C-alpha atoms as a PDB file:
ATOM      1  CA  MET A   1    -262.834  35.480  -2.585  1.00  0.00           C
ATOM      2  CA  SER A   2    -261.100  38.771  -1.700  1.00  0.00           C
ATOM      3  CA  LYS A   3    -261.509  40.248   1.767  1.00  0.00           C
ATOM      4  CA  PRO A   4    -263.533  43.457   2.216  1.00  0.00           C
ATOM      5  CA  VAL A   5    -261.421  46.604   2.484  1.00  0.00           C
ATOM      6  CA  VAL A   6    -261.871  48.832   5.547  1.00  0.00           C
ATOM      7  CA  ALA A   7    -260.566  52.402   5.337  1.00  0.00           C
ATOM      8  CA  VAL A   8    -259.435  53.504   8.803  1.00  0.00           C
ATOM      9  CA  LEU A   9    -259.344  57.281   9.278  1.00  0.00           C
ATOM     10  CA  GLY A  10    -257.290  58.178  12.336  1.00  0.00           C
ATOM     11  CA  ILE A  11    -254.496  55.607  12.363  1.00  0.00           C
ATOM     12  CA  THR A  12    -252.226  57.774  14.541  1.00  0.00           C
ATOM     13  CA  GLY A  13    -254.621  57.775  17.510  1.00  0.00           C
ATOM     14  CA  LEU A  14    -255.418  55.075  20.073  1.00  0.00           C
ATOM     15  CA  GLN A  15    -258.790  54.321  18.505  1.00  0.00           C
ATOM     16  CA  GLY A  16    -257.559  53.991  14.931  1.00  0.00           C
ATOM     17  CA  GLY A  17    -254.600  51.895  16.007  1.00  0.00           C
ATOM     18  CA  SER A  18    -256.885  49.583  17.961  1.00  0.00           C
ATOM     19  CA  VAL A  19    -259.208  49.217  14.957  1.00  0.00           C
ATOM     20  CA  VAL A  20    -256.303  48.235  12.699  1.00  0.00           C
ATOM     21  CA  SER A  21    -255.158  45.686  15.292  1.00  0.00           C
ATOM     22  CA  GLY A  22    -258.687  44.294  15.526  1.00  0.00           C
ATOM     23  CA  LEU A  23    -259.008  43.993  11.754  1.00  0.00           C
ATOM     24  CA  LEU A  24    -255.662  42.217  11.465  1.00  0.00           C
ATOM     25  CA  ALA A  25    -256.505  39.843  14.312  1.00  0.00           C
ATOM     26  CA  SER A  26    -259.854  38.942  12.745  1.00  0.00           C
ATOM     27  CA  LYS A  27    -258.189  37.970   9.446  1.00  0.00           C
ATOM     28  CA  ARG A  28    -261.505  38.766   7.743  1.00  0.00           C
ATOM     29  CA  TYR A  29    -260.672  42.243   6.441  1.00  0.00           C
ATOM     30  CA  ASN A  30    -257.970  44.214   4.673  1.00  0.00           C
ATOM     31  CA  ASP A  31    -257.264  47.645   6.117  1.00  0.00           C
ATOM     32  CA  ARG A  32    -256.392  50.889   4.375  1.00  0.00           C
ATOM     33  CA  ALA A  33    -255.167  53.316   7.003  1.00  0.00           C
ATOM     34  CA  SER A  34    -254.702  57.074   7.021  1.00  0.00           C
ATOM     35  CA  THR A  35    -254.219  59.956   9.425  1.00  0.00           C
ATOM     36  CA  ARG A  36    -257.217  61.964  10.653  1.00  0.00           C
ATOM     37  CA  LYS A  37    -256.515  64.652   8.064  1.00  0.00           C
ATOM     38  CA  PRO A  38    -256.035  62.867   4.728  1.00  0.00           C
ATOM     39  CA  LYS A  39    -255.354  65.262   1.867  1.00  0.00           C
ATOM     40  CA  HIS A  40    -257.175  63.169  -0.695  1.00  0.00           C
ATOM     41  CA  LEU A  41    -260.199  61.719   1.108  1.00  0.00           C
ATOM     42  CA  THR A  42    -262.057  60.702  -2.062  1.00  0.00           C
ATOM     43  CA  ARG A  43    -259.027  58.837  -3.382  1.00  0.00           C
ATOM     44  CA  LEU A  44    -258.528  57.100  -0.041  1.00  0.00           C
ATOM     45  CA  LEU A  45    -262.126  55.903   0.263  1.00  0.00           C
ATOM     46  CA  TYR A  46    -262.654  54.998  -3.381  1.00  0.00           C
ATOM     47  CA  GLY A  47    -262.735  51.229  -3.738  1.00  0.00           C
ATOM     48  CA  ALA A  48    -263.080  50.580   0.002  1.00  0.00           C
ATOM     49  CA  ASP A  49    -266.073  48.646   1.284  1.00  0.00           C
ATOM     50  CA  PHE A  50    -266.329  49.985   4.827  1.00  0.00           C
ATOM     51  CA  VAL A  51    -264.993  52.962   6.810  1.00  0.00           C
ATOM     52  CA  PHE A  52    -264.095  53.667  10.414  1.00  0.00           C
ATOM     53  CA  GLY A  53    -263.932  57.399  11.140  1.00  0.00           C
ATOM     54  CA  VAL A  54    -262.813  59.468  14.138  1.00  0.00           C
ATOM     55  CA  THR A  55    -261.730  63.072  14.709  1.00  0.00           C
ATOM     56  CA  ASN A  56    -259.831  64.719  17.564  1.00  0.00           C
ATOM     57  CA  LEU A  57    -260.682  68.285  18.533  1.00  0.00           C
ATOM     58  CA  PHE A  58    -257.288  68.770  20.182  1.00  0.00           C
ATOM     59  CA  ASP A  59    -255.470  67.922  16.934  1.00  0.00           C
ATOM     60  CA  ILE A  60    -256.994  70.910  15.182  1.00  0.00           C
ATOM     61  CA  ASP A  61    -254.801  73.926  14.531  1.00  0.00           C
ATOM     62  CA  ASN A  62    -255.645  77.040  16.573  1.00  0.00           C
ATOM     63  CA  TYR A  63    -257.858  75.225  19.096  1.00  0.00           C
ATOM     64  CA  PRO A  64    -260.168  76.488  20.561  1.00  0.00           C
ATOM     65  CA  GLU A  65    -260.915  79.127  17.925  1.00  0.00           C
ATOM     66  CA  ASN A  66    -261.442  76.463  15.272  1.00  0.00           C
ATOM     67  CA  ILE A  67    -263.777  74.223  17.275  1.00  0.00           C
ATOM     68  CA  PRO A  68    -266.301  74.003  14.370  1.00  0.00           C
ATOM     69  CA  VAL A  69    -263.561  72.498  12.182  1.00  0.00           C
ATOM     70  CA  GLU A  70    -263.812  69.102  13.908  1.00  0.00           C
ATOM     71  CA  GLU A  71    -267.514  68.785  13.130  1.00  0.00           C
ATOM     72  CA  GLY A  72    -266.868  69.840   9.540  1.00  0.00           C
ATOM     73  CA  GLN A  73    -264.161  67.207   9.171  1.00  0.00           C
ATOM     74  CA  GLY A  74    -266.512  64.491  10.366  1.00  0.00           C
ATOM     75  CA  LYS A  75    -269.363  65.546   8.102  1.00  0.00           C
ATOM     76  CA  GLN A  76    -266.980  65.649   5.145  1.00  0.00           C
ATOM     77  CA  MET A  77    -266.050  62.029   5.849  1.00  0.00           C
ATOM     78  CA  ILE A  78    -269.735  61.096   5.756  1.00  0.00           C
ATOM     79  CA  ASP A  79    -270.379  63.011   2.531  1.00  0.00           C
ATOM     80  CA  VAL A  80    -267.414  61.514   0.694  1.00  0.00           C
ATOM     81  CA  ALA A  81    -268.204  58.013   1.955  1.00  0.00           C
ATOM     82  CA  LYS A  82    -271.733  58.330   0.602  1.00  0.00           C
ATOM     83  CA  ASP A  83    -270.521  59.739  -2.723  1.00  0.00           C
ATOM     84  CA  VAL A  84    -268.086  56.878  -3.379  1.00  0.00           C
ATOM     85  CA  GLY A  85    -270.561  54.171  -2.389  1.00  0.00           C
ATOM     86  CA  ILE A  86    -269.233  52.989   0.980  1.00  0.00           C
ATOM     87  CA  LYS A  87    -271.400  50.098   2.166  1.00  0.00           C
ATOM     88  CA  PHE A  88    -271.086  50.702   5.920  1.00  0.00           C
ATOM     89  CA  PHE A  89    -269.550  53.450   8.061  1.00  0.00           C
ATOM     90  CA  VAL A  90    -268.641  53.168  11.761  1.00  0.00           C
ATOM     91  CA  TRP A  91    -268.378  56.601  13.376  1.00  0.00           C
ATOM     92  CA  SER A  92    -266.658  57.144  16.739  1.00  0.00           C
ATOM     93  CA  SER A  93    -269.005  59.413  18.646  1.00  0.00           C
ATOM     94  CA  LEU A  94    -269.624  60.690  22.167  1.00  0.00           C
ATOM     95  CA  PRO A  95    -272.772  61.711  24.057  1.00  0.00           C
ATOM     96  CA  ASN A  96    -274.159  65.201  23.491  1.00  0.00           C
ATOM     97  CA  ALA A  97    -273.482  66.839  26.848  1.00  0.00           C
ATOM     98  CA  ALA A  98    -275.661  69.861  26.067  1.00  0.00           C
ATOM     99  CA  LYS A  99    -278.684  67.668  25.292  1.00  0.00           C
ATOM    100  CA  VAL A 100    -278.089  65.307  28.216  1.00  0.00           C
ATOM    101  CA  SER A 101    -277.923  68.273  30.607  1.00  0.00           C
ATOM    102  CA  ASN A 102    -280.807  70.198  28.990  1.00  0.00           C
ATOM    103  CA  GLY A 103    -278.420  72.930  27.932  1.00  0.00           C
ATOM    104  CA  LYS A 104    -276.657  73.403  31.265  1.00  0.00           C
ATOM    105  CA  HIS A 105    -273.324  71.940  30.130  1.00  0.00           C
ATOM    106  CA  ASN A 106    -272.985  73.382  26.648  1.00  0.00           C
ATOM    107  CA  LYS A 107    -269.215  73.838  26.378  1.00  0.00           C
ATOM    108  CA  VAL A 108    -268.071  70.217  26.154  1.00  0.00           C
ATOM    109  CA  PHE A 109    -267.308  70.751  22.491  1.00  0.00           C
ATOM    110  CA  HIS A 110    -265.425  67.522  21.776  1.00  0.00           C
ATOM    111  CA  PHE A 111    -268.473  65.571  22.969  1.00  0.00           C
ATOM    112  CA  ASP A 112    -271.156  67.628  21.249  1.00  0.00           C
ATOM    113  CA  GLY A 113    -269.307  67.993  17.948  1.00  0.00           C
ATOM    114  CA  LYS A 114    -268.821  64.259  17.556  1.00  0.00           C
ATOM    115  CA  ASN A 115    -272.457  63.658  18.438  1.00  0.00           C
ATOM    116  CA  ASN A 116    -273.591  66.220  15.872  1.00  0.00           C
ATOM    117  CA  VAL A 117    -271.658  64.268  13.242  1.00  0.00           C
ATOM    118  CA  ALA A 118    -273.291  61.062  14.491  1.00  0.00           C
ATOM    119  CA  GLN A 119    -276.765  62.522  13.999  1.00  0.00           C
ATOM    120  CA  TYR A 120    -275.724  63.762  10.566  1.00  0.00           C
ATOM    121  CA  ALA A 121    -274.499  60.289   9.642  1.00  0.00           C
ATOM    122  CA  LEU A 122    -277.613  58.547  10.941  1.00  0.00           C
ATOM    123  CA  GLY A 123    -279.808  60.872   8.878  1.00  0.00           C
ATOM    124  CA  SER A 124    -277.673  60.832   5.741  1.00  0.00           C
ATOM    125  CA  GLY A 125    -278.937  57.616   4.208  1.00  0.00           C
ATOM    126  CA  LEU A 126    -275.443  56.122   4.469  1.00  0.00           C
ATOM    127  CA  PRO A 127    -275.539  52.698   6.167  1.00  0.00           C
ATOM    128  CA  CYS A 128    -273.800  53.286   9.475  1.00  0.00           C
ATOM    129  CA  ALA A 129    -273.473  52.651  13.186  1.00  0.00           C
ATOM    130  CA  CYS A 130    -272.000  54.831  15.921  1.00  0.00           C
ATOM    131  CA  ILE A 131    -269.815  53.768  18.829  1.00  0.00           C
ATOM    132  CA  GLU A 132    -269.363  55.858  21.980  1.00  0.00           C
ATOM    133  CA  PRO A 133    -266.304  54.747  23.967  1.00  0.00           C
ATOM    134  CA  ALA A 134    -266.235  55.543  27.675  1.00  0.00           C
ATOM    135  CA  ALA A 135    -263.275  57.235  29.371  1.00  0.00           C
ATOM    136  CA  PHE A 136    -260.017  55.592  28.337  1.00  0.00           C
ATOM    137  CA  LEU A 137    -258.275  53.352  30.867  1.00  0.00           C
ATOM    138  CA  GLU A 138    -255.137  54.236  28.929  1.00  0.00           C
ATOM    139  CA  ASN A 139    -255.280  57.691  30.507  1.00  0.00           C
ATOM    140  CA  TYR A 140    -253.770  56.038  33.594  1.00  0.00           C
ATOM    141  CA  LEU A 141    -250.706  55.407  31.415  1.00  0.00           C
ATOM    142  CA  ARG A 142    -250.726  58.862  29.908  1.00  0.00           C
ATOM    143  CA  PHE A 143    -251.047  60.493  33.342  1.00  0.00           C
ATOM    144  CA  PRO A 144    -249.668  57.776  35.654  1.00  0.00           C
ATOM    145  CA  PRO A 145    -249.850  57.784  39.447  1.00  0.00           C
ATOM    146  CA  LYS A 146    -246.808  59.558  40.918  1.00  0.00           C
ATOM    147  CA  LYS A 147    -244.686  58.021  43.656  1.00  0.00           C
ATOM    148  CA  GLN A 148    -244.534  60.115  46.792  1.00  0.00           C
ATOM    149  CA  GLY A 149    -242.663  58.468  49.632  1.00  0.00           C
ATOM    150  CA  ASP A 150    -244.013  54.963  50.076  1.00  0.00           C
ATOM    151  CA  GLU A 151    -247.254  55.437  48.136  1.00  0.00           C
ATOM    152  CA  TYR A 152    -248.512  56.288  44.650  1.00  0.00           C
ATOM    153  CA  ILE A 153    -250.837  59.250  44.175  1.00  0.00           C
ATOM    154  CA  ILE A 154    -253.579  59.236  41.524  1.00  0.00           C
ATOM    155  CA  THR A 155    -254.680  62.757  40.650  1.00  0.00           C
ATOM    156  CA  MET A 156    -257.496  64.162  38.555  1.00  0.00           C
ATOM    157  CA  PRO A 157    -259.074  67.625  38.647  1.00  0.00           C
ATOM    158  CA  LEU A 158    -262.721  68.317  39.498  1.00  0.00           C
ATOM    159  CA  THR A 159    -263.281  64.672  40.425  1.00  0.00           C
ATOM    160  CA  PRO A 160    -264.663  63.663  43.840  1.00  0.00           C
ATOM    161  CA  ALA A 161    -262.943  60.515  45.094  1.00  0.00           C
ATOM    162  CA  ASP A 162    -266.184  58.538  45.267  1.00  0.00           C
ATOM    163  CA  ALA A 163    -267.699  59.754  41.949  1.00  0.00           C
ATOM    164  CA  LYS A 164    -268.270  56.810  39.629  1.00  0.00           C
ATOM    165  CA  ARG A 165    -267.467  57.038  35.909  1.00  0.00           C
ATOM    166  CA  GLU A 166    -267.568  54.644  32.995  1.00  0.00           C
ATOM    167  CA  TYR A 167    -264.302  53.318  31.545  1.00  0.00           C
ATOM    168  CA  VAL A 168    -263.066  51.049  28.759  1.00  0.00           C
ATOM    169  CA  SER A 169    -259.695  49.885  27.459  1.00  0.00           C
ATOM    170  CA  ILE A 170    -259.241  51.309  23.972  1.00  0.00           C
ATOM    171  CA  THR A 171    -256.182  49.245  23.063  1.00  0.00           C
ATOM    172  CA  SER A 172    -257.697  45.961  24.264  1.00  0.00           C
ATOM    173  CA  ASP A 173    -261.384  46.303  23.403  1.00  0.00           C
ATOM    174  CA  PHE A 174    -262.252  49.168  21.071  1.00  0.00           C
ATOM    175  CA  GLY A 175    -260.965  47.611  17.851  1.00  0.00           C
ATOM    176  CA  ARG A 176    -262.616  44.281  18.624  1.00  0.00           C
ATOM    177  CA  ALA A 177    -265.904  46.096  19.175  1.00  0.00           C
ATOM    178  CA  VAL A 178    -265.653  47.872  15.808  1.00  0.00           C
ATOM    179  CA  VAL A 179    -264.943  44.543  14.112  1.00  0.00           C
ATOM    180  CA  ALA A 180    -268.041  43.105  15.808  1.00  0.00           C
ATOM    181  CA  LEU A 181    -270.122  45.944  14.332  1.00  0.00           C
ATOM    182  CA  LEU A 182    -268.713  45.253  10.869  1.00  0.00           C
ATOM    183  CA  ASP A 183    -269.353  41.532  11.261  1.00  0.00           C
ATOM    184  CA  ASP A 184    -273.079  42.079  11.872  1.00  0.00           C
ATOM    185  CA  GLN A 185    -273.980  45.256   9.986  1.00  0.00           C
ATOM    186  CA  LYS A 186    -277.649  44.406   9.607  1.00  0.00           C
ATOM    187  CA  LYS A 187    -278.012  44.143  13.382  1.00  0.00           C
ATOM    188  CA  TRP A 188    -276.190  47.402  14.138  1.00  0.00           C
ATOM    189  CA  GLN A 189    -277.426  49.533  11.247  1.00  0.00           C
ATOM    190  CA  GLY A 190    -278.667  52.883  12.565  1.00  0.00           C
ATOM    191  CA  ARG A 191    -277.757  52.108  16.167  1.00  0.00           C
ATOM    192  CA  THR A 192    -275.419  53.686  18.704  1.00  0.00           C
ATOM    193  CA  LEU A 193    -273.291  51.495  20.953  1.00  0.00           C
ATOM    194  CA  ARG A 194    -272.118  52.712  24.352  1.00  0.00           C
ATOM    195  CA  LEU A 195    -268.858  50.877  25.011  1.00  0.00           C
ATOM    196  CA  ALA A 196    -267.897  50.603  28.687  1.00  0.00           C
ATOM    197  CA  SER A 197    -266.501  47.748  30.756  1.00  0.00           C
ATOM    198  CA  GLU A 198    -266.253  49.401  34.181  1.00  0.00           C
ATOM    199  CA  LEU A 199    -268.184  51.822  36.363  1.00  0.00           C
ATOM    200  CA  MET A 200    -265.851  52.858  39.164  1.00  0.00           C
ATOM    201  CA  SER A 201    -264.682  55.699  41.369  1.00  0.00           C
ATOM    202  CA  GLN A 202    -261.081  56.825  41.828  1.00  0.00           C
ATOM    203  CA  ASN A 203    -261.089  55.358  45.343  1.00  0.00           C
ATOM    204  CA  GLU A 204    -262.066  52.020  43.795  1.00  0.00           C
ATOM    205  CA  ALA A 205    -259.362  52.419  41.149  1.00  0.00           C
ATOM    206  CA  ALA A 206    -256.771  53.039  43.869  1.00  0.00           C
ATOM    207  CA  ALA A 207    -257.881  49.895  45.706  1.00  0.00           C
ATOM    208  CA  ILE A 208    -257.523  47.785  42.551  1.00  0.00           C
ATOM    209  CA  PHE A 209    -254.098  49.253  41.790  1.00  0.00           C
ATOM    210  CA  ALA A 210    -253.040  48.330  45.335  1.00  0.00           C
ATOM    211  CA  LYS A 211    -254.474  44.814  45.102  1.00  0.00           C
ATOM    212  CA  VAL A 212    -252.687  43.999  41.846  1.00  0.00           C
ATOM    213  CA  THR A 213    -249.326  45.674  42.491  1.00  0.00           C
ATOM    214  CA  GLY A 214    -248.968  45.202  46.238  1.00  0.00           C
ATOM    215  CA  LYS A 215    -248.176  48.922  46.512  1.00  0.00           C
ATOM    216  CA  ARG A 216    -250.036  51.676  48.343  1.00  0.00           C
ATOM    217  CA  PHE A 217    -252.215  53.899  46.158  1.00  0.00           C
ATOM    218  CA  LYS A 218    -254.289  56.923  47.084  1.00  0.00           C
ATOM    219  CA  PHE A 219    -256.440  59.351  45.095  1.00  0.00           C
ATOM    220  CA  VAL A 220    -256.049  63.092  45.631  1.00  0.00           C
ATOM    221  CA  GLU A 221    -258.270  65.514  43.719  1.00  0.00           C
ATOM    222  CA  ALA A 222    -256.109  67.962  41.772  1.00  0.00           C
ATOM    223  CA  PRO A 223    -256.830  71.716  41.834  1.00  0.00           C
ATOM    224  CA  ALA A 224    -259.359  72.913  39.270  1.00  0.00           C
ATOM    225  CA  HIS A 225    -256.764  74.972  37.393  1.00  0.00           C
ATOM    226  CA  TYR A 226    -255.042  71.750  36.276  1.00  0.00           C
ATOM    227  CA  ALA A 227    -257.774  71.430  33.632  1.00  0.00           C
ATOM    228  CA  ASN A 228    -258.188  73.775  30.676  1.00  0.00           C
ATOM    229  CA  GLU A 229    -261.609  75.308  29.989  1.00  0.00           C
ATOM    230  CA  GLU A 230    -262.760  72.452  27.742  1.00  0.00           C
ATOM    231  CA  LEU A 231    -261.722  69.690  30.160  1.00  0.00           C
ATOM    232  CA  ALA A 232    -263.111  71.575  33.149  1.00  0.00           C
ATOM    233  CA  ALA A 233    -266.469  71.726  31.374  1.00  0.00           C
ATOM    234  CA  MET A 234    -266.243  67.980  30.727  1.00  0.00           C
ATOM    235  CA  PHE A 235    -265.436  67.076  34.341  1.00  0.00           C
ATOM    236  CA  ASN A 236    -268.266  69.269  35.626  1.00  0.00           C
ATOM    237  CA  TYR A 237    -270.637  67.547  33.208  1.00  0.00           C
ATOM    238  CA  PHE A 238    -269.456  64.149  34.503  1.00  0.00           C
ATOM    239  CA  ASN A 239    -270.101  65.173  38.102  1.00  0.00           C
ATOM    240  CA  TYR A 240    -273.739  66.004  37.386  1.00  0.00           C
ATOM    241  CA  HIS A 241    -274.670  63.472  34.717  1.00  0.00           C
ATOM    242  CA  GLY A 242    -272.028  60.753  34.508  1.00  0.00           C
ATOM    243  CA  TYR A 243    -270.538  60.002  31.119  1.00  0.00           C
ATOM    244  CA  TYR A 244    -273.672  59.094  29.189  1.00  0.00           C
ATOM    245  CA  GLY A 245    -276.404  60.741  31.226  1.00  0.00           C
ATOM    246  CA  ARG A 246    -276.646  57.984  33.794  1.00  0.00           C
ATOM    247  CA  LYS A 247    -279.988  56.547  34.791  1.00  0.00           C
ATOM    248  CA  PRO A 248    -280.574  54.878  38.191  1.00  0.00           C
ATOM    249  CA  ASP A 249    -281.052  51.427  36.642  1.00  0.00           C
ATOM    250  CA  ASP A 250    -278.011  51.592  34.333  1.00  0.00           C
ATOM    251  CA  THR A 251    -275.549  48.730  34.641  1.00  0.00           C
ATOM    252  CA  VAL A 252    -272.113  48.357  33.064  1.00  0.00           C
ATOM    253  CA  PRO A 253    -271.523  46.747  30.650  1.00  0.00           C
ATOM    254  CA  PHE A 254    -274.660  48.184  29.039  1.00  0.00           C
ATOM    255  CA  PRO A 255    -277.207  45.806  27.468  1.00  0.00           C
ATOM    256  CA  GLU A 256    -276.181  46.740  23.923  1.00  0.00           C
ATOM    257  CA  THR A 257    -272.526  46.155  24.808  1.00  0.00           C
ATOM    258  CA  LYS A 258    -273.384  42.611  25.827  1.00  0.00           C
ATOM    259  CA  GLU A 259    -274.951  42.110  22.393  1.00  0.00           C
ATOM    260  CA  LEU A 260    -271.485  42.371  20.847  1.00  0.00           C
ATOM    261  CA  GLY A 261    -270.675  38.891  22.093  1.00  0.00           C
ATOM    262  CA  ILE A 262    -267.115  39.786  23.125  1.00  0.00           C
ATOM    263  CA  LYS A 263    -265.552  39.792  26.584  1.00  0.00           C
ATOM    264  CA  LEU A 264    -264.397  43.234  27.620  1.00  0.00           C
ATOM    265  CA  THR A 265    -261.334  43.849  29.769  1.00  0.00           C
ATOM    266  CA  SER A 266    -262.005  44.592  33.439  1.00  0.00           C
ATOM    267  CA  PHE A 267    -259.949  47.248  35.197  1.00  0.00           C
ATOM    268  CA  GLU A 268    -258.258  44.606  37.321  1.00  0.00           C
ATOM    269  CA  GLU A 269    -257.280  42.662  34.197  1.00  0.00           C
ATOM    270  CA  TRP A 270    -256.031  45.864  32.597  1.00  0.00           C
ATOM    271  CA  VAL A 271    -253.853  46.738  35.604  1.00  0.00           C
ATOM    272  CA  GLU A 272    -252.445  43.193  35.626  1.00  0.00           C
ATOM    273  CA  LYS A 273    -251.481  43.615  31.970  1.00  0.00           C
ATOM    274  CA  HIS A 274    -249.720  46.926  32.642  1.00  0.00           C
ATOM    275  CA  ALA A 275    -248.522  46.312  36.206  1.00  0.00           C
ATOM    276  CA  ASP A 276    -244.876  46.886  35.263  1.00  0.00           C
ATOM    277  CA  LYS A 277    -245.762  50.501  34.431  1.00  0.00           C
ATOM    278  CA  PHE A 278    -246.905  51.147  38.007  1.00  0.00           C
ATOM    279  CA  GLN A 279    -243.895  49.899  39.952  1.00  0.00           C
END
């Protein structure tokens, strides 16, 4: 019996790459990968069984003037998938910051646009599930702590040292989570999964870095101008509402994350894996 074919849209990004790795590791699927901007979307999806889709606002030409383009790209993926008879679509979404904040934080476009596509997908009649990954632990590799004298300085703008935020490892856990959704489509149909393995502050992150590496780490909040308008809006949203619109009784991992049946990577485990990068 032939394996189901999964079309992965967004192979060049961390999420798409992790999904391909997860599919290969499972040995239960064949993947058909493409960039986020395939020229022939219908041809790519035709004959596939399932789709994973993601967009990236910051990949779009002439950002921020073309902010609506990202949402249009996502909705086009949904429309084409439905037209060619895709059996199940996994959409990478994010919370709607404007709705979570009752309109106060209405300029976090890369959150709201993805969530608008999620609502479009869930109402389209196309069998689907949405996954909302927390902040990427891999950002500590992209913007690593900088050595100053005998200590390493973690910096982030508009982030109080004791403010807790949700995190997840994309390379280690995201692809496995998407595979888990595909493995049990009936269970996840029409649902949205918040994917987070850690809830921690930057002071706590510094302590874990120090514990694992034996080096001294300290967090210093960067000046606000280090963030562009879009990211400044995002950080301000986080400071008032957390990543998902945090409720007092929320625990991480979330209940629906535990339903996946996979062990997520803790921050300490992640630092151990990448410790050579922080020496």
